[in-house]
PDB file of N, CA and C in Angstrom:
ATOM      1  N   UNK A   1      19.990  38.897 -63.973  1.00  0.00           N
ATOM      2  CA  UNK A   1      19.231  37.664 -63.937  1.00  0.00           C
ATOM      3  C   UNK A   1      17.975  37.860 -64.790  1.00  0.00           C
ATOM      4  N   UNK A   2      17.774  36.933 -65.705  1.00  0.00           N
ATOM      5  CA  UNK A   2      16.599  37.070 -66.557  1.00  0.00           C
ATOM      6  C   UNK A   2      15.390  36.386 -65.922  1.00  0.00           C
ATOM      7  N   UNK A   3      14.284  36.512 -66.555  1.00  0.00           N
ATOM      8  CA  UNK A   3      13.013  36.013 -66.016  1.00  0.00           C
ATOM      9  C   UNK A   3      13.040  34.494 -65.837  1.00  0.00           C
ATOM     10  N   UNK A   4      13.618  33.769 -66.776  1.00  0.00           N
ATOM     11  CA  UNK A   4      13.648  32.293 -66.703  1.00  0.00           C
ATOM     12  C   UNK A   4      14.515  31.836 -65.525  1.00  0.00           C
ATOM     13  N   UNK A   5      15.613  32.492 -65.274  1.00  0.00           N
ATOM     14  CA  UNK A   5      16.486  32.135 -64.150  1.00  0.00           C
ATOM     15  C   UNK A   5      15.786  32.417 -62.814  1.00  0.00           C
ATOM     16  N   UNK A   6      15.068  33.534 -62.727  1.00  0.00           N
ATOM     17  CA  UNK A   6      14.326  33.845 -61.495  1.00  0.00           C
ATOM     18  C   UNK A   6      13.256  32.797 -61.212  1.00  0.00           C
ATOM     19  N   UNK A   7      12.572  32.358 -62.255  1.00  0.00           N
ATOM     20  CA  UNK A   7      11.545  31.322 -62.084  1.00  0.00           C
ATOM     21  C   UNK A   7      12.195  30.022 -61.617  1.00  0.00           C
ATOM     22  N   UNK A   8      13.357  29.676 -62.179  1.00  0.00           N
ATOM     23  CA  UNK A   8      14.065  28.463 -61.789  1.00  0.00           C
ATOM     24  C   UNK A   8      14.511  28.542 -60.322  1.00  0.00           C
ATOM     25  N   UNK A   9      15.037  29.676 -59.893  1.00  0.00           N
ATOM     26  CA  UNK A   9      15.451  29.865 -58.493  1.00  0.00           C
ATOM     27  C   UNK A   9      14.242  29.789 -57.573  1.00  0.00           C
ATOM     28  N   UNK A  10      13.159  30.459 -57.955  1.00  0.00           N
ATOM     29  CA  UNK A  10      11.939  30.425 -57.147  1.00  0.00           C
ATOM     30  C   UNK A  10      11.382  29.010 -57.050  1.00  0.00           C
ATOM     31  N   UNK A  11      11.378  28.269 -58.158  1.00  0.00           N
ATOM     32  CA  UNK A  11      10.886  26.890 -58.152  1.00  0.00           C
ATOM     33  C   UNK A  11      11.765  26.012 -57.273  1.00  0.00           C
ATOM     34  N   UNK A  12      13.078  26.225 -57.329  1.00  0.00           N
ATOM     35  CA  UNK A  12      14.004  25.454 -56.490  1.00  0.00           C
ATOM     36  C   UNK A  12      13.760  25.754 -55.014  1.00  0.00           C
ATOM     37  N   UNK A  13      13.604  27.017 -54.685  1.00  0.00           N
ATOM     38  CA  UNK A  13      13.338  27.400 -53.285  1.00  0.00           C
ATOM     39  C   UNK A  13      12.017  26.797 -52.817  1.00  0.00           C
ATOM     40  N   UNK A  14      10.982  26.892 -53.650  1.00  0.00           N
ATOM     41  CA  UNK A  14       9.693  26.314 -53.277  1.00  0.00           C
ATOM     42  C   UNK A  14       9.797  24.799 -53.104  1.00  0.00           C
ATOM     43  N   UNK A  15      10.556  24.137 -53.974  1.00  0.00           N
ATOM     44  CA  UNK A  15      10.737  22.694 -53.870  1.00  0.00           C
ATOM     45  C   UNK A  15      11.422  22.333 -52.549  1.00  0.00           C
ATOM     46  N   UNK A  16      12.483  23.075 -52.202  1.00  0.00           N
ATOM     47  CA  UNK A  16      13.198  22.817 -50.941  1.00  0.00           C
ATOM     48  C   UNK A  16      12.275  23.044 -49.758  1.00  0.00           C
ATOM     49  N   UNK A  17      11.487  24.109 -49.775  1.00  0.00           N
ATOM     50  CA  UNK A  17      10.563  24.402 -48.680  1.00  0.00           C
ATOM     51  C   UNK A  17       9.501  23.298 -48.564  1.00  0.00           C
ATOM     52  N   UNK A  18       8.961  22.852 -49.680  1.00  0.00           N
ATOM     53  CA  UNK A  18       7.956  21.786 -49.662  1.00  0.00           C
ATOM     54  C   UNK A  18       8.565  20.488 -49.129  1.00  0.00           C
ATOM     55  N   UNK A  19       9.780  20.162 -49.544  1.00  0.00           N
ATOM     56  CA  UNK A  19      10.436  18.934 -49.069  1.00  0.00           C
ATOM     57  C   UNK A  19      10.721  19.012 -47.564  1.00  0.00           C
ATOM     58  N   UNK A  20      11.181  20.176 -47.111  1.00  0.00           N
ATOM     59  CA  UNK A  20      11.426  20.345 -45.672  1.00  0.00           C
ATOM     60  C   UNK A  20      10.120  20.209 -44.897  1.00  0.00           C
ATOM     61  N   UNK A  21       9.063  20.748 -45.426  1.00  0.00           N
ATOM     62  CA  UNK A  21       7.759  20.640 -44.781  1.00  0.00           C
ATOM     63  C   UNK A  21       7.306  19.174 -44.725  1.00  0.00           C
ATOM     64  N   UNK A  22       7.514  18.452 -45.828  1.00  0.00           N
ATOM     65  CA  UNK A  22       7.125  17.039 -45.862  1.00  0.00           C
ATOM     66  C   UNK A  22       7.935  16.223 -44.871  1.00  0.00           C
ATOM     67  N   UNK A  23       9.239  16.462 -44.812  1.00  0.00           N
ATOM     68  CA  UNK A  23      10.090  15.742 -43.859  1.00  0.00           C
ATOM     69  C   UNK A  23       9.680  16.089 -42.435  1.00  0.00           C
ATOM     70  N   UNK A  24       9.374  17.354 -42.167  1.00  0.00           N
ATOM     71  CA  UNK A  24       8.903  17.757 -40.839  1.00  0.00           C
ATOM     72  C   UNK A  24       7.602  17.069 -40.468  1.00  0.00           C
ATOM     73  N   UNK A  25       6.720  16.924 -41.431  1.00  0.00           N
ATOM     74  CA  UNK A  25       5.432  16.259 -41.189  1.00  0.00           C
ATOM     75  C   UNK A  25       5.647  14.783 -40.867  1.00  0.00           C
ATOM     76  N   UNK A  26       6.521  14.115 -41.612  1.00  0.00           N
ATOM     77  CA  UNK A  26       6.809  12.697 -41.356  1.00  0.00           C
ATOM     78  C   UNK A  26       7.430  12.528 -39.976  1.00  0.00           C
ATOM     79  N   UNK A  27       8.374  13.403 -39.632  1.00  0.00           N
ATOM     80  CA  UNK A  27       9.004  13.331 -38.310  1.00  0.00           C
ATOM     81  C   UNK A  27       7.973  13.555 -37.211  1.00  0.00           C
ATOM     82  N   UNK A  28       7.113  14.534 -37.413  1.00  0.00           N
ATOM     83  CA  UNK A  28       6.078  14.836 -36.421  1.00  0.00           C
ATOM     84  C   UNK A  28       5.138  13.652 -36.221  1.00  0.00           C
ATOM     85  N   UNK A  29       4.721  13.017 -37.309  1.00  0.00           N
ATOM     86  CA  UNK A  29       3.831  11.847 -37.212  1.00  0.00           C
ATOM     87  C   UNK A  29       4.532  10.707 -36.475  1.00  0.00           C
ATOM     88  N   UNK A  30       5.802  10.473 -36.817  1.00  0.00           N
ATOM     89  CA  UNK A  30       6.566   9.401 -36.167  1.00  0.00           C
ATOM     90  C   UNK A  30       6.691   9.666 -34.672  1.00  0.00           C
ATOM     91  N   UNK A  31       7.047  10.892 -34.312  1.00  0.00           N
ATOM     92  CA  UNK A  31       7.196  11.255 -32.900  1.00  0.00           C
ATOM     93  C   UNK A  31       5.862  11.089 -32.159  1.00  0.00           C
ATOM     94  N   UNK A  32       4.763  11.490 -32.785  1.00  0.00           N
ATOM     95  CA  UNK A  32       3.442  11.351 -32.181  1.00  0.00           C
ATOM     96  C   UNK A  32       3.120   9.890 -31.911  1.00  0.00           C
ATOM     97  N   UNK A  33       3.408   9.027 -32.882  1.00  0.00           N
ATOM     98  CA  UNK A  33       3.137   7.600 -32.700  1.00  0.00           C
ATOM     99  C   UNK A  33       3.996   7.003 -31.600  1.00  0.00           C
ATOM    100  N   UNK A  34       5.262   7.386 -31.552  1.00  0.00           N
ATOM    101  CA  UNK A  34       6.146   6.871 -30.503  1.00  0.00           C
ATOM    102  C   UNK A  34       5.674   7.325 -29.113  1.00  0.00           C
ATOM    103  N   UNK A  35       5.259   8.575 -29.008  1.00  0.00           N
ATOM    104  CA  UNK A  35       4.762   9.075 -27.725  1.00  0.00           C
ATOM    105  C   UNK A  35       3.453   8.396 -27.336  1.00  0.00           C
ATOM    106  N   UNK A  36       2.607   8.074 -28.318  1.00  0.00           N
ATOM    107  CA  UNK A  36       1.359   7.382 -28.030  1.00  0.00           C
ATOM    108  C   UNK A  36       1.636   5.973 -27.514  1.00  0.00           C
ATOM    109  N   UNK A  37       2.604   5.289 -28.118  1.00  0.00           N
ATOM    110  CA  UNK A  37       2.981   3.943 -27.653  1.00  0.00           C
ATOM    111  C   UNK A  37       3.500   4.025 -26.220  1.00  0.00           C
ATOM    112  N   UNK A  38       4.335   5.024 -25.944  1.00  0.00           N
ATOM    113  CA  UNK A  38       4.852   5.192 -24.584  1.00  0.00           C
ATOM    114  C   UNK A  38       3.723   5.486 -23.594  1.00  0.00           C
ATOM    115  N   UNK A  39       2.762   6.311 -24.013  1.00  0.00           N
ATOM    116  CA  UNK A  39       1.613   6.619 -23.164  1.00  0.00           C
ATOM    117  C   UNK A  39       0.824   5.357 -22.841  1.00  0.00           C
ATOM    118  N   UNK A  40       0.600   4.511 -23.833  1.00  0.00           N
ATOM    119  CA  UNK A  40      -0.133   3.260 -23.611  1.00  0.00           C
ATOM    120  C   UNK A  40       0.612   2.362 -22.634  1.00  0.00           C
ATOM    121  N   UNK A  41       1.932   2.272 -22.764  1.00  0.00           N
ATOM    122  CA  UNK A  41       2.721   1.452 -21.845  1.00  0.00           C
ATOM    123  C   UNK A  41       2.645   2.003 -20.430  1.00  0.00           C
ATOM    124  N   UNK A  42       2.706   3.316 -20.290  1.00  0.00           N
ATOM    125  CA  UNK A  42       2.612   3.927 -18.965  1.00  0.00           C
ATOM    126  C   UNK A  42       1.221   3.726 -18.357  1.00  0.00           C
ATOM    127  N   UNK A  43       0.188   3.784 -19.193  1.00  0.00           N
ATOM    128  CA  UNK A  43      -1.164   3.522 -18.683  1.00  0.00           C
ATOM    129  C   UNK A  43      -1.292   2.087 -18.188  1.00  0.00           C
ATOM    130  N   UNK A  44      -0.684   1.140 -18.909  1.00  0.00           N
ATOM    131  CA  UNK A  44      -0.692  -0.254 -18.442  1.00  0.00           C
ATOM    132  C   UNK A  44       0.023  -0.374 -17.108  1.00  0.00           C
ATOM    133  N   UNK A  45       1.132   0.338 -16.971  1.00  0.00           N
ATOM    134  CA  UNK A  45       1.884   0.300 -15.720  1.00  0.00           C
ATOM    135  C   UNK A  45       1.070   0.904 -14.576  1.00  0.00           C
ATOM    136  N   UNK A  46       0.330   1.972 -14.856  1.00  0.00           N
ATOM    137  CA  UNK A  46      -0.520   2.595 -13.836  1.00  0.00           C
ATOM    138  C   UNK A  46      -1.579   1.602 -13.356  1.00  0.00           C
ATOM    139  N   UNK A  47      -2.219   0.912 -14.300  1.00  0.00           N
ATOM    140  CA  UNK A  47      -3.242  -0.074 -13.943  1.00  0.00           C
ATOM    141  C   UNK A  47      -2.620  -1.185 -13.101  1.00  0.00           C
ATOM    142  N   UNK A  48      -1.447  -1.643 -13.512  1.00  0.00           N
ATOM    143  CA  UNK A  48      -0.766  -2.712 -12.773  1.00  0.00           C
ATOM    144  C   UNK A  48      -0.402  -2.258 -11.363  1.00  0.00           C
ATOM    145  N   UNK A  49       0.129  -1.039 -11.250  1.00  0.00           N
ATOM    146  CA  UNK A  49       0.504  -0.529  -9.928  1.00  0.00           C
ATOM    147  C   UNK A  49      -0.719  -0.292  -9.047  1.00  0.00           C
ATOM    148  N   UNK A  50      -1.818   0.182  -9.621  1.00  0.00           N
ATOM    149  CA  UNK A  50      -3.040   0.362  -8.835  1.00  0.00           C
ATOM    150  C   UNK A  50      -3.581  -0.970  -8.348  1.00  0.00           C
ATOM    151  N   UNK A  51      -3.491  -2.001  -9.187  1.00  0.00           N
ATOM    152  CA  UNK A  51      -3.925  -3.331  -8.777  1.00  0.00           C
ATOM    153  C   UNK A  51      -3.067  -3.840  -7.626  1.00  0.00           C
ATOM    154  N   UNK A  52      -1.755  -3.673  -7.764  1.00  0.00           N
ATOM    155  CA  UNK A  52      -0.844  -4.115  -6.691  1.00  0.00           C
ATOM    156  C   UNK A  52      -1.085  -3.326  -5.412  1.00  0.00           C
ATOM    157  N   UNK A  53      -1.335  -2.029  -5.532  1.00  0.00           N
ATOM    158  CA  UNK A  53      -1.603  -1.189  -4.363  1.00  0.00           C
ATOM    159  C   UNK A  53      -2.850  -1.684  -3.623  1.00  0.00           C
ATOM    160  N   UNK A  54      -3.903  -1.978  -4.369  1.00  0.00           N
ATOM    161  CA  UNK A  54      -5.120  -2.499  -3.749  1.00  0.00           C
ATOM    162  C   UNK A  54      -4.883  -3.823  -3.056  1.00  0.00           C
ATOM    163  N   UNK A  55      -4.090  -4.703  -3.701  1.00  0.00           N
ATOM    164  CA  UNK A  55      -3.766  -5.994  -3.102  1.00  0.00           C
ATOM    165  C   UNK A  55      -2.966  -5.804  -1.808  1.00  0.00           C
ATOM    166  N   UNK A  56      -2.017  -4.874  -1.823  1.00  0.00           N
ATOM    167  CA  UNK A  56      -1.207  -4.627  -0.626  1.00  0.00           C
ATOM    168  C   UNK A  56      -2.044  -4.018   0.506  1.00  0.00           C
ATOM    169  N   UNK A  57      -2.989  -3.157   0.160  1.00  0.00           N
ATOM    170  CA  UNK A  57      -3.865  -2.598   1.195  1.00  0.00           C
ATOM    171  C   UNK A  57      -4.724  -3.698   1.816  1.00  0.00           C
ATOM    172  N   UNK A  58      -5.228  -4.599   0.977  1.00  0.00           N
ATOM    173  CA  UNK A  58      -6.020  -5.712   1.476  1.00  0.00           C
ATOM    174  C   UNK A  58      -5.175  -6.618   2.368  1.00  0.00           C
ATOM    175  N   UNK A  59      -3.941  -6.866   1.954  1.00  0.00           N
ATOM    176  CA  UNK A  59      -3.044  -7.698   2.754  1.00  0.00           C
ATOM    177  C   UNK A  59      -2.726  -7.031   4.090  1.00  0.00           C
ATOM    178  N   UNK A  60      -2.482  -5.727   4.062  1.00  0.00           N
ATOM    179  CA  UNK A  60      -2.211  -5.000   5.302  1.00  0.00           C
ATOM    180  C   UNK A  60      -3.417  -5.066   6.232  1.00  0.00           C
ATOM    181  N   UNK A  61      -4.595  -4.935   5.666  1.00  0.00           N
ATOM    182  CA  UNK A  61      -5.813  -5.017   6.466  1.00  0.00           C
ATOM    183  C   UNK A  61      -5.947  -6.388   7.120  1.00  0.00           C
ATOM    184  N   UNK A  62      -5.611  -7.425   6.368  1.00  0.00           N
ATOM    185  CA  UNK A  62      -5.702  -8.781   6.919  1.00  0.00           C
ATOM    186  C   UNK A  62      -4.678  -8.990   8.026  1.00  0.00           C
ATOM    187  N   UNK A  63      -3.444  -8.490   7.841  1.00  0.00           N
ATOM    188  CA  UNK A  63      -2.406  -8.681   8.850  1.00  0.00           C
ATOM    189  C   UNK A  63      -2.679  -7.875  10.119  1.00  0.00           C
ATOM    190  N   UNK A  64      -3.378  -6.763  10.009  1.00  0.00           N
ATOM    191  CA  UNK A  64      -3.608  -5.924  11.182  1.00  0.00           C
ATOM    192  C   UNK A  64      -5.006  -6.106  11.780  1.00  0.00           C
ATOM    193  N   UNK A  65      -5.689  -7.160  11.410  1.00  0.00           N
ATOM    194  CA  UNK A  65      -7.017  -7.440  11.952  1.00  0.00           C
ATOM    195  C   UNK A  65      -6.915  -7.664  13.461  1.00  0.00           C
ATOM    196  N   UNK A  66      -7.814  -7.048  14.219  1.00  0.00           N
ATOM    197  CA  UNK A  66      -7.743  -7.108  15.685  1.00  0.00           C
ATOM    198  C   UNK A  66      -7.851  -8.538  16.208  1.00  0.00           C
ATOM    199  N   UNK A  67      -8.726  -9.323  15.638  1.00  0.00           N
ATOM    200  CA  UNK A  67      -8.869 -10.693  16.134  1.00  0.00           C
ATOM    201  C   UNK A  67      -7.606 -11.504  15.871  1.00  0.00           C
ATOM    202  N   UNK A  68      -6.939 -11.261  14.761  1.00  0.00           N
ATOM    203  CA  UNK A  68      -5.683 -11.962  14.467  1.00  0.00           C
ATOM    204  C   UNK A  68      -4.608 -11.565  15.468  1.00  0.00           C
ATOM    205  N   UNK A  69      -4.495 -10.258  15.743  1.00  0.00           N
ATOM    206  CA  UNK A  69      -3.494  -9.775  16.693  1.00  0.00           C
ATOM    207  C   UNK A  69      -3.761 -10.334  18.085  1.00  0.00           C
ATOM    208  N   UNK A  70      -5.028 -10.358  18.482  1.00  0.00           N
ATOM    209  CA  UNK A  70      -5.378 -10.897  19.800  1.00  0.00           C
ATOM    210  C   UNK A  70      -5.059 -12.388  19.885  1.00  0.00           C
ATOM    211  N   UNK A  71      -5.366 -13.138  18.821  1.00  0.00           N
ATOM    212  CA  UNK A  71      -5.089 -14.574  18.811  1.00  0.00           C
ATOM    213  C   UNK A  71      -3.582 -14.833  18.912  1.00  0.00           C
ATOM    214  N   UNK A  72      -2.785 -14.073  18.192  1.00  0.00           N
ATOM    215  CA  UNK A  72      -1.330 -14.251  18.252  1.00  0.00           C
ATOM    216  C   UNK A  72      -0.807 -13.877  19.632  1.00  0.00           C
ATOM    217  N   UNK A  73      -1.352 -12.810  20.223  1.00  0.00           N
ATOM    218  CA  UNK A  73      -0.931 -12.405  21.568  1.00  0.00           C
ATOM    219  C   UNK A  73      -1.229 -13.504  22.578  1.00  0.00           C
ATOM    220  N   UNK A  74      -2.361 -14.167  22.438  1.00  0.00           N
ATOM    221  CA  UNK A  74      -2.705 -15.250  23.364  1.00  0.00           C
ATOM    222  C   UNK A  74      -1.847 -16.496  23.129  1.00  0.00           C
ATOM    223  N   UNK A  75      -1.701 -16.883  21.847  1.00  0.00           N
ATOM    224  CA  UNK A  75      -1.007 -18.129  21.539  1.00  0.00           C
ATOM    225  C   UNK A  75       0.510 -18.015  21.706  1.00  0.00           C
ATOM    226  N   UNK A  76       1.114 -17.030  21.112  1.00  0.00           N
ATOM    227  CA  UNK A  76       2.578 -16.938  21.103  1.00  0.00           C
ATOM    228  C   UNK A  76       3.159 -16.260  22.332  1.00  0.00           C
ATOM    229  N   UNK A  77       2.472 -15.239  22.832  1.00  0.00           N
ATOM    230  CA  UNK A  77       3.012 -14.464  23.942  1.00  0.00           C
ATOM    231  C   UNK A  77       2.398 -14.843  25.282  1.00  0.00           C
ATOM    232  N   UNK A  78       1.379 -15.690  25.249  1.00  0.00           N
ATOM    233  CA  UNK A  78       0.742 -16.122  26.490  1.00  0.00           C
ATOM    234  C   UNK A  78       0.007 -15.010  27.205  1.00  0.00           C
ATOM    235  N   UNK A  79      -0.455 -14.031  26.515  1.00  0.00           N
ATOM    236  CA  UNK A  79      -1.157 -12.910  27.133  1.00  0.00           C
ATOM    237  C   UNK A  79      -2.609 -13.294  27.399  1.00  0.00           C
ATOM    238  N   UNK A  80      -3.149 -12.762  28.480  1.00  0.00           N
ATOM    239  CA  UNK A  80      -4.547 -13.012  28.830  1.00  0.00           C
ATOM    240  C   UNK A  80      -5.188 -11.684  29.217  1.00  0.00           C
ATOM    241  N   UNK A  81      -6.511 -11.643  29.179  1.00  0.00           N
ATOM    242  CA  UNK A  81      -7.237 -10.461  29.604  1.00  0.00           C
ATOM    243  C   UNK A  81      -7.200 -10.413  31.135  1.00  0.00           C
ATOM    244  N   UNK A  82      -6.790  -9.287  31.732  1.00  0.00           N
ATOM    245  CA  UNK A  82      -6.708  -9.217  33.199  1.00  0.00           C
ATOM    246  C   UNK A  82      -8.110  -9.224  33.824  1.00  0.00           C
ATOM    247  N   UNK A  83      -8.178  -9.777  35.015  1.00  0.00           N
ATOM    248  CA  UNK A  83      -9.445  -9.777  35.748  1.00  0.00           C
ATOM    249  C   UNK A  83      -9.640  -8.417  36.392  1.00  0.00           C
ATOM    250  N   UNK A  84     -10.841  -8.144  36.852  1.00  0.00           N
ATOM    251  CA  UNK A  84     -11.178  -6.815  37.398  1.00  0.00           C
ATOM    252  C   UNK A  84     -10.275  -6.432  38.565  1.00  0.00           C
ATOM    253  N   UNK A  85      -9.891  -7.360  39.388  1.00  0.00           N
ATOM    254  CA  UNK A  85      -9.057  -7.064  40.559  1.00  0.00           C
ATOM    255  C   UNK A  85      -7.620  -6.768  40.175  1.00  0.00           C
ATOM    256  N   UNK A  86      -7.217  -7.143  38.994  1.00  0.00           N
ATOM    257  CA  UNK A  86      -5.832  -6.906  38.555  1.00  0.00           C
ATOM    258  C   UNK A  86      -5.664  -5.564  37.855  1.00  0.00           C
ATOM    259  N   UNK A  87      -6.722  -4.856  37.641  1.00  0.00           N
ATOM    260  CA  UNK A  87      -6.651  -3.590  36.924  1.00  0.00           C
ATOM    261  C   UNK A  87      -6.513  -2.457  37.933  1.00  0.00           C
ATOM    262  N   UNK A  88      -5.526  -1.600  37.710  1.00  0.00           N
ATOM    263  CA  UNK A  88      -5.288  -0.460  38.600  1.00  0.00           C
ATOM    264  C   UNK A  88      -5.416   0.829  37.786  1.00  0.00           C
ATOM    265  N   UNK A  89      -6.145   1.791  38.331  1.00  0.00           N
ATOM    266  CA  UNK A  89      -6.291   3.095  37.689  1.00  0.00           C
ATOM    267  C   UNK A  89      -5.340   4.077  38.344  1.00  0.00           C
ATOM    268  N   UNK A  90      -4.598   4.778  37.561  1.00  0.00           N
ATOM    269  CA  UNK A  90      -3.658   5.759  38.062  1.00  0.00           C
ATOM    270  C   UNK A  90      -4.143   7.125  37.620  1.00  0.00           C
ATOM    271  N   UNK A  91      -4.322   8.006  38.585  1.00  0.00           N
ATOM    272  CA  UNK A  91      -4.804   9.358  38.273  1.00  0.00           C
ATOM    273  C   UNK A  91      -3.634  10.330  38.409  1.00  0.00           C
ATOM    274  N   UNK A  92      -3.579  11.312  37.551  1.00  0.00           N
ATOM    275  CA  UNK A  92      -2.476  12.276  37.620  1.00  0.00           C
ATOM    276  C   UNK A  92      -2.609  13.227  38.808  1.00  0.00           C
TER     277      UNK A  92
END
């Protein structure tokens, strides 16, 4: 192999390596952008779920309010507060 052929082989190898590097860089950038878009969508979902969680906690608090439970017990079940003479203490 003469000097000119070695230079041609070396230039070809360098060209292939540079092209592979460029393609790898483009793929890496594309993958990074796709993952960033997915991250943004997941962050939106987190915010939405946290908002719904807060709303559900507030709703649970409203449904389990003591005055509401007492009012329903009186109206629907006919329950009343016992008088002092109706209360019995049982000791073990």
